[in-house]
Protein backbone atom coordinates (compact mmCIF):
# COMPACT_ATOMS: atom_id res chain seq x y z
CA MET A 1 100.60 82.62 103.28
CA SER A 2 101.03 82.14 99.51
CA ARG A 3 99.05 83.96 96.91
CA ALA A 4 97.20 80.81 96.08
CA ALA A 5 96.36 80.11 99.64
CA GLY A 6 94.93 83.65 100.00
CA ARG A 7 92.67 83.06 96.94
CA LEU A 8 91.53 79.81 98.40
CA ARG A 9 90.62 81.55 101.82
CA LEU A 10 88.77 84.30 100.02
CA PHE A 11 86.67 81.97 97.84
CA ALA A 12 86.26 79.45 100.84
CA ARG A 13 84.64 82.33 102.69
CA ALA A 14 82.82 83.82 99.80
CA LEU A 15 81.14 80.69 98.16
CA PRO A 16 78.79 79.64 101.14
CA ARG A 17 77.78 83.33 101.55
CA LEU A 18 77.04 83.40 97.75
CA VAL A 19 74.78 80.26 98.20
CA LEU A 20 72.91 81.96 101.06
CA GLN A 21 72.66 85.10 99.04
CA ARG A 22 71.13 83.34 96.05
CA ALA A 23 68.71 81.47 98.19
CA GLY A 24 67.69 84.70 99.99
CA ARG A 25 67.01 86.34 96.57
CA LEU A 26 64.79 83.37 95.41
CA LEU A 27 62.73 83.46 98.46
CA GLY A 28 62.51 87.30 98.38
CA HIS A 29 64.15 87.64 101.81
CA ARG A 30 67.14 89.68 100.69
CA GLN A 31 66.87 93.32 101.14
CA ARG A 32 69.14 96.32 101.44
CA PRO A 33 69.88 97.05 105.13
CA ALA A 34 67.71 99.62 106.60
CA GLU A 35 70.55 100.74 108.86
CA VAL A 36 74.02 101.37 107.65
CA ARG A 37 76.76 101.34 110.32
CA ARG A 38 79.74 99.98 108.42
CA ILE A 39 80.66 100.50 104.72
CA LEU A 40 83.31 99.19 102.62
CA ILE A 41 84.64 100.52 99.26
CA ALA A 42 86.36 97.59 97.50
CA HIS A 43 88.79 98.38 94.61
CA HIS A 44 92.41 98.11 93.33
CA LEU A 45 92.56 101.12 90.92
CA LEU A 46 95.40 103.16 89.63
CA LEU A 47 96.29 106.38 91.41
CA GLY A 48 94.35 108.80 89.53
CA ASP A 49 91.26 106.58 89.44
CA THR A 50 91.61 106.06 93.30
CA LEU A 51 91.80 109.79 93.90
CA MET A 52 88.84 110.56 91.89
CA LEU A 53 86.86 108.27 94.24
CA THR A 54 87.04 111.14 96.54
CA ALA A 55 83.67 112.21 95.27
CA LEU A 56 82.20 108.91 96.57
CA LEU A 57 83.89 109.24 99.99
CA ALA A 58 82.37 112.74 100.31
CA LYS A 59 78.85 111.52 99.30
CA LEU A 60 78.89 108.64 101.63
CA ARG A 61 80.11 110.69 104.56
CA ALA A 62 77.37 113.25 103.92
CA ARG A 63 74.73 110.32 103.53
CA TYR A 64 75.89 108.36 106.55
CA PRO A 65 77.51 110.78 108.88
CA ALA A 66 77.91 108.20 111.82
CA ALA A 67 78.99 105.20 109.75
CA ALA A 68 82.50 103.72 109.87
CA ILE A 69 83.80 103.77 106.31
CA ALA A 70 86.64 101.84 105.01
CA MET A 71 88.32 101.71 101.55
CA THR A 72 90.76 99.14 100.18
CA CYS A 73 93.62 100.93 98.72
CA PRO A 74 96.86 99.78 96.71
CA VAL A 75 99.64 99.70 99.22
CA PRO A 76 101.68 102.65 97.69
CA PHE A 77 98.73 105.08 97.94
CA VAL A 78 97.86 104.42 101.62
CA ALA A 79 100.08 107.19 102.90
CA LEU A 80 98.04 109.75 101.21
CA TYR A 81 95.09 108.83 103.26
CA SER A 82 96.93 109.01 106.64
CA GLY A 83 94.99 112.16 107.62
CA LYS A 84 91.67 110.22 106.97
CA PRO A 85 89.78 112.55 104.62
CA TYR A 86 86.20 112.25 105.28
CA ALA A 87 86.99 110.00 108.34
CA VAL A 88 87.65 107.16 105.90
CA GLU A 89 90.02 104.43 106.78
CA ALA A 90 92.25 103.21 104.02
CA LEU A 91 93.04 99.46 104.17
CA PRO A 92 96.28 98.34 102.38
CA PHE A 93 95.35 95.93 99.72
CA ASN A 94 97.25 94.00 97.07
CA PRO A 95 95.26 91.02 95.41
CA HIS A 96 98.54 89.08 95.13
CA ASP A 97 99.32 89.52 98.89
CA ALA A 98 97.49 87.02 101.02
CA GLY A 99 98.27 89.07 104.15
CA THR A 100 96.43 92.16 103.02
CA VAL A 101 93.37 90.09 101.81
CA SER A 102 93.19 88.16 105.25
CA ALA A 103 93.38 91.69 107.13
CA ILE A 104 90.52 92.96 105.02
CA LEU A 105 88.49 89.79 105.53
CA ALA A 106 89.05 90.07 109.23
CA ASN A 107 87.89 93.74 109.30
CA GLY A 108 84.33 92.79 108.28
CA PRO A 109 81.38 92.50 108.34
CA TYR A 110 79.95 95.37 106.58
CA ASP A 111 76.34 96.57 106.04
CA LEU A 112 77.08 97.94 102.63
CA ALA A 113 79.90 97.48 100.17
CA LEU A 114 80.55 99.59 97.01
CA VAL A 115 82.72 98.28 94.14
CA PRO A 116 84.00 100.91 91.54
CA GLY A 117 85.69 99.73 88.47
CA ASP A 118 86.47 96.01 88.51
CA ASN A 119 83.66 93.85 89.81
CA ARG A 120 86.01 91.03 90.70
CA HIS A 121 86.41 92.83 93.96
CA ALA A 122 82.76 92.13 94.85
CA TRP A 123 84.03 88.62 95.82
CA LEU A 124 86.40 90.38 98.33
CA ALA A 125 83.26 92.37 99.65
CA LEU A 126 81.24 89.23 99.95
CA ALA A 127 83.99 87.31 101.69
CA ALA A 128 84.35 90.16 104.09
CA GLY A 129 80.61 89.60 105.12
CA SER A 130 79.06 92.45 103.26
CA ARG A 131 75.29 92.34 103.61
CA TRP A 132 74.55 94.37 100.52
CA ILE A 133 76.86 94.95 97.48
CA VAL A 134 76.52 97.65 94.86
CA ALA A 135 78.57 97.92 91.66
CA HIS A 136 78.35 99.29 88.30
CA ALA A 137 76.48 97.06 85.79
CA GLY A 138 77.83 95.11 82.82
CA ASP A 139 81.37 93.99 83.82
CA THR A 140 82.72 90.95 81.94
CA PRO A 141 83.10 87.99 82.34
CA ASP A 142 79.83 87.47 84.22
CA TRP A 143 81.30 85.61 87.18
CA LYS A 144 82.49 88.91 88.51
CA ASN A 145 78.92 90.11 89.02
CA TRP A 146 77.63 87.19 90.78
CA PRO A 147 78.04 88.52 94.37
CA VAL A 148 76.40 92.02 93.26
CA ASP A 149 72.99 92.76 94.77
CA GLU A 150 72.42 96.13 93.03
CA SER A 151 73.75 97.13 89.67
CA VAL A 152 74.10 100.83 88.73
CA ASN A 153 74.33 101.62 85.06
CA TYR A 154 76.81 103.98 83.57
CA PRO A 155 75.09 107.31 82.63
CA ASP A 156 73.92 107.90 79.07
CA THR A 157 75.74 111.36 78.71
CA PRO A 158 79.40 112.36 79.20
CA THR A 159 80.27 112.15 82.84
CA ALA A 160 83.55 112.35 84.82
CA TRP A 161 84.57 109.13 86.50
CA SER A 162 84.46 110.80 90.01
CA ASP A 163 80.84 111.55 89.33
CA MET A 164 80.17 108.19 87.96
CA ALA A 165 81.71 106.40 90.95
CA ALA A 166 79.75 108.64 93.31
CA GLN A 167 76.46 107.37 91.60
CA LEU A 168 77.05 104.05 93.40
CA ALA A 169 75.81 105.72 96.66
CA ASP A 170 72.28 106.78 96.92
CA GLY A 171 71.29 110.32 97.84
CA PRO A 172 72.17 113.83 96.52
CA ALA A 173 75.51 114.70 95.25
CA ALA A 174 78.18 115.84 97.80
CA ALA A 175 79.34 119.44 97.90
CA PRO A 176 82.08 120.37 95.71
CA PHE A 177 85.63 119.48 96.73
CA ARG A 178 87.68 121.92 98.71
CA ALA A 179 91.41 121.36 99.44
CA SER A 180 90.69 121.74 103.24
CA ASP A 181 88.69 118.63 102.93
CA TRP A 182 91.85 116.57 102.54
CA PRO A 183 94.20 116.78 105.54
CA MET A 184 97.82 116.89 104.35
CA PRO A 185 99.50 113.46 104.94
CA ALA A 186 102.46 112.92 107.18
CA ALA A 187 105.62 112.92 105.04
CA ARG A 188 109.18 112.25 105.70
CA SER A 189 111.29 115.44 105.76
CA PHE A 190 112.91 116.74 102.62
CA ALA A 191 114.24 120.04 101.48
CA LEU A 192 111.64 121.95 99.51
CA PRO A 193 112.68 124.27 96.75
CA ASP A 194 112.72 127.96 97.29
CA GLN A 195 109.62 129.70 96.12
CA PRO A 196 108.16 130.64 93.75
CA TYR A 197 108.33 127.38 91.80
CA VAL A 198 106.33 125.32 89.28
CA VAL A 199 106.49 121.52 89.23
CA LEU A 200 106.90 120.02 85.80
CA HIS A 201 106.16 116.23 85.81
CA PRO A 202 106.72 114.89 82.38
CA GLY A 203 106.38 111.32 83.15
CA ALA A 204 103.49 109.04 82.59
CA SER A 205 102.41 105.35 82.62
CA THR A 206 102.97 105.11 78.86
CA PRO A 207 105.13 106.93 76.39
CA LEU A 208 101.97 107.58 74.43
CA LYS A 209 101.12 110.26 77.21
CA HIS A 210 104.53 111.82 76.86
CA TRP A 211 104.74 115.50 75.61
CA PRO A 212 107.68 116.20 73.40
CA ALA A 213 110.87 116.83 75.34
CA ALA A 214 111.74 119.91 73.42
CA ARG A 215 108.53 121.53 74.47
CA TRP A 216 109.11 120.74 78.02
CA THR A 217 112.40 122.56 77.83
CA GLN A 218 110.69 125.56 76.15
CA LEU A 219 108.24 125.61 78.96
CA ALA A 220 110.99 125.42 81.63
CA ASP A 221 112.93 128.23 80.06
CA TRP A 222 109.88 130.42 79.75
CA LEU A 223 109.06 129.91 83.53
CA ALA A 224 112.65 130.76 84.48
CA SER A 225 112.41 134.00 82.34
CA ARG A 226 109.47 135.00 84.42
CA GLY A 227 111.22 134.41 87.76
CA LEU A 228 109.65 131.07 88.57
CA ARG A 229 111.85 128.09 89.34
CA PRO A 230 111.04 125.08 87.11
CA ILE A 231 111.24 121.98 89.28
CA TRP A 232 111.31 118.56 87.61
CA SER A 233 109.49 115.68 89.06
CA ALA A 234 109.06 112.03 87.92
CA GLY A 235 108.65 108.49 89.16
CA ALA A 236 111.62 106.25 90.00
CA LYS A 237 111.56 104.76 86.61
CA GLU A 238 111.03 107.99 84.61
CA ALA A 239 114.33 109.78 85.07
CA ALA A 240 115.11 109.37 81.45
CA VAL A 241 112.11 111.53 80.54
CA VAL A 242 113.42 114.44 82.68
CA ALA A 243 117.00 113.90 81.22
CA ALA A 244 115.66 114.28 77.68
CA ALA A 245 113.95 117.58 78.62
CA ASP A 246 116.78 118.99 80.53
CA PRO A 247 120.04 117.19 79.39
CA GLN A 248 122.33 119.97 80.84
CA GLN A 249 120.55 119.66 84.32
CA ARG A 250 120.05 123.40 84.40
CA TYR A 251 117.04 123.10 86.75
CA ALA A 252 116.52 121.21 90.06
CA SER A 253 115.01 117.69 89.72
CA TYR A 254 113.29 115.47 92.39
CA ALA A 255 112.93 112.58 89.76
CA GLY A 256 112.72 109.37 91.53
CA GLN A 257 113.54 110.88 95.02
CA LEU A 258 110.06 111.36 96.60
CA ASP A 259 107.32 109.06 97.80
CA LEU A 260 103.73 110.06 97.19
CA ALA A 261 103.20 111.67 100.55
CA GLN A 262 106.40 113.81 99.89
CA MET A 263 105.14 114.45 96.35
CA SER A 264 101.91 115.90 97.92
CA ARG A 265 103.99 118.45 99.97
CA LEU A 266 106.17 119.43 96.97
CA ILE A 267 103.07 120.07 94.89
CA ALA A 268 101.13 121.75 97.67
CA ASN A 269 103.77 124.35 97.95
CA ALA A 270 104.12 124.98 94.24
CA ASN A 271 102.66 127.93 92.34
CA ALA A 272 101.36 125.43 89.55
CA LEU A 273 101.79 121.99 88.40
CA VAL A 274 102.08 120.84 84.65
CA CYS A 275 101.93 117.16 83.83
CA PRO A 276 100.26 114.74 81.33
CA ASP A 277 97.01 112.94 81.99
CA THR A 278 98.32 110.82 84.93
CA GLY A 279 97.79 110.33 88.70
CA ILE A 280 99.87 113.24 89.64
CA ALA A 281 97.44 115.55 87.96
CA HIS A 282 94.76 114.29 90.23
CA LEU A 283 97.02 114.79 93.23
CA GLY A 284 97.48 118.36 92.31
CA ARG A 285 93.71 118.83 92.52
CA VAL A 286 93.56 117.17 95.94
CA VAL A 287 96.09 119.59 97.38
CA GLY A 288 94.64 122.58 95.64
CA THR A 289 97.41 123.79 93.36
CA PRO A 290 96.58 125.19 90.01
CA THR A 291 97.06 122.15 87.65
CA LEU A 292 97.37 122.01 83.88
CA ALA A 293 96.94 118.34 82.76
CA LEU A 294 97.98 117.56 79.12
CA PHE A 295 95.52 115.01 77.51
CA GLY A 296 96.41 112.93 74.50
CA PRO A 297 94.92 109.42 74.40
CA GLY A 298 92.86 109.85 77.70
CA SER A 299 89.47 111.44 77.98
CA SER A 300 89.49 114.87 79.33
CA VAL A 301 85.68 114.35 80.07
CA ILE A 302 86.15 111.09 82.13
CA SER A 303 89.33 112.35 83.95
CA GLY A 304 88.25 115.91 84.04
CA ALA A 305 86.71 118.06 86.74
CA GLY A 306 83.16 116.98 86.38
CA GLU A 307 80.83 118.40 89.15
CA PHE A 308 82.72 117.39 92.11
CA TRP A 309 86.09 118.96 91.32
CA ARG A 310 84.45 122.10 89.39
CA GLN A 311 85.67 124.55 91.87
CA CYS A 312 89.29 123.41 91.70
CA PRO A 313 91.99 125.44 89.67
CA PHE A 314 92.34 122.70 87.00
CA VAL A 315 92.64 122.71 83.25
CA ALA A 316 92.27 119.64 81.16
CA LEU A 317 94.09 120.62 77.85
CA THR A 318 93.31 118.42 74.82
CA GLU A 319 92.76 118.35 71.04
CA ARG A 320 89.09 117.71 70.96
CA ASP A 321 87.77 114.96 68.55
CA PHE A 322 91.13 113.50 67.75
CA PRO A 323 90.26 110.79 65.06
CA CYS A 324 92.09 107.87 66.69
CA ARG A 325 90.60 108.66 70.21
CA ASP A 326 87.76 106.26 69.17
CA GLN A 327 87.43 103.58 71.90
CA THR A 328 84.20 103.58 73.61
CA VAL A 329 85.03 101.26 76.60
CA LEU A 330 85.83 102.04 80.20
CA PHE A 331 86.41 99.29 82.78
CA ARG A 332 85.04 96.83 80.14
CA ARG A 333 81.61 98.67 79.82
CA HIS A 334 80.73 100.35 76.57
CA LYS A 335 78.97 103.72 76.16
CA ASP A 336 78.62 105.53 72.84
CA TRP A 337 79.69 108.83 74.43
CA ILE A 338 82.98 107.49 75.65
CA ARG A 339 86.07 108.65 73.55
CA ARG A 340 89.42 107.38 74.71
CA CYS A 341 92.34 105.39 73.47
CA GLY A 342 94.04 102.58 75.48
CA ARG A 343 96.34 101.33 72.61
CA SER A 344 99.80 100.12 73.49
CA THR A 345 102.96 101.28 71.86
CA ARG A 346 102.83 98.13 69.72
CA GLU A 347 99.55 99.42 68.15
CA CYS A 348 100.47 103.13 68.09
CA GLY A 349 104.18 103.98 67.43
CA HIS A 350 103.84 107.65 68.12
CA ALA A 351 101.37 109.76 70.08
CA ARG A 352 100.23 112.30 67.38
CA CYS A 353 97.41 113.40 70.00
CA MET A 354 100.23 114.73 72.24
CA ASP A 355 102.10 116.37 69.50
CA ALA A 356 98.84 118.26 68.61
CA LEU A 357 99.27 120.13 71.94
CA GLY A 358 101.56 122.93 70.71
CA PHE A 359 103.77 124.97 73.01
CA GLU A 360 101.78 128.13 72.63
CA ARG A 361 98.40 126.40 73.76
CA VAL A 362 100.18 125.15 76.82
CA HIS A 363 101.93 128.33 77.54
CA ASP A 364 98.56 130.30 77.19
CA ALA A 365 96.64 127.81 79.35
CA LEU A 366 99.41 128.00 82.03
CA GLN A 367 99.34 131.73 82.09
CA GLY A 368 95.66 131.76 82.66
CA LEU A 369 96.19 129.10 85.53
CA MET A 370 98.73 131.25 87.14
CA ALA A 371 96.46 134.30 86.99
CA ASN A 372 94.02 132.08 88.80
CA GLY A 373 96.79 131.08 91.23
CA LYS A 374 97.44 134.69 91.98
CA ALA A 375 93.98 135.17 93.01
CA LEU A 376 94.26 132.16 95.29
CA GLY A 377 97.51 133.63 96.75
CA LYS A 378 99.67 131.05 95.02
CA LEU A 379 101.70 133.80 93.22
């Protein structure tokens, strides 16, 4: 089935339901289901944003202990959910793959659907037969919001995305995350480094999140001087970032060699993880490894620990109030308290915000984390 055919099938199923939904609203007959047995979380977010939805999974499981909960998930991330944290089933989803769309539609109907981030996926929830759809208010353009029954406003005070997503579900907040809440995913065998070691992951989705290569070199050398093995990690397209930090290949590198399930194993067995504000930082939190995340253009509030992750050994290091971190939009919604930067390399030629994180600050923060790791039995 082609991509176009998949879209036609989705809208062919959604539009008649939208007509009935609108009629029910006009007549006052449409109500939130009193009994919730099946729940769908519909999204197609990046890795970090997806992992931060864990707060929503935990809250839903506490609120609806007997419900069947399914979450759409970008195909590369599905393996991380093989242990079914909070008894949630991850449904492979690629909006451009008609096969995954058809499988999700066939998996319905649902009593309740929650749509974090992009409200276009409310149409997927409607096509899958969701009886009540909840999403954050204010997405644009407005057609994305047509299937939404209940809109939840962004908070008026600084809040982590994990806690914002959890507000889509009613009821009290979930208990803070513990690494034991997330069963380790099955992973193909590979040779783990000899312990003790620290994972250094310098890659990111944009060069504007890169910390200077010379400082990564300093950090690796400092770790080695303390008897800790620096272990390089990077995605398949990020090998050049590792090569710049370690041109002589003095330290072991797993750059481009591991899938996400294997990465979770590598990080889980490490004494600490250092990386930019990227999805791997959130994977470090999930597996309970002391994690130092270096924030430049991103918001250390939105991607920080918040309430749900507050007990995790995690430090979000940033230069506060950096002048060009001045954009106030998240997922096309505006709030005055939001301070982030989503500029491209065409708009910003060099990330001065990452330069502002000097080696000494990173060194000191990592020392503190490793002291915490020692208390956790990681060192």
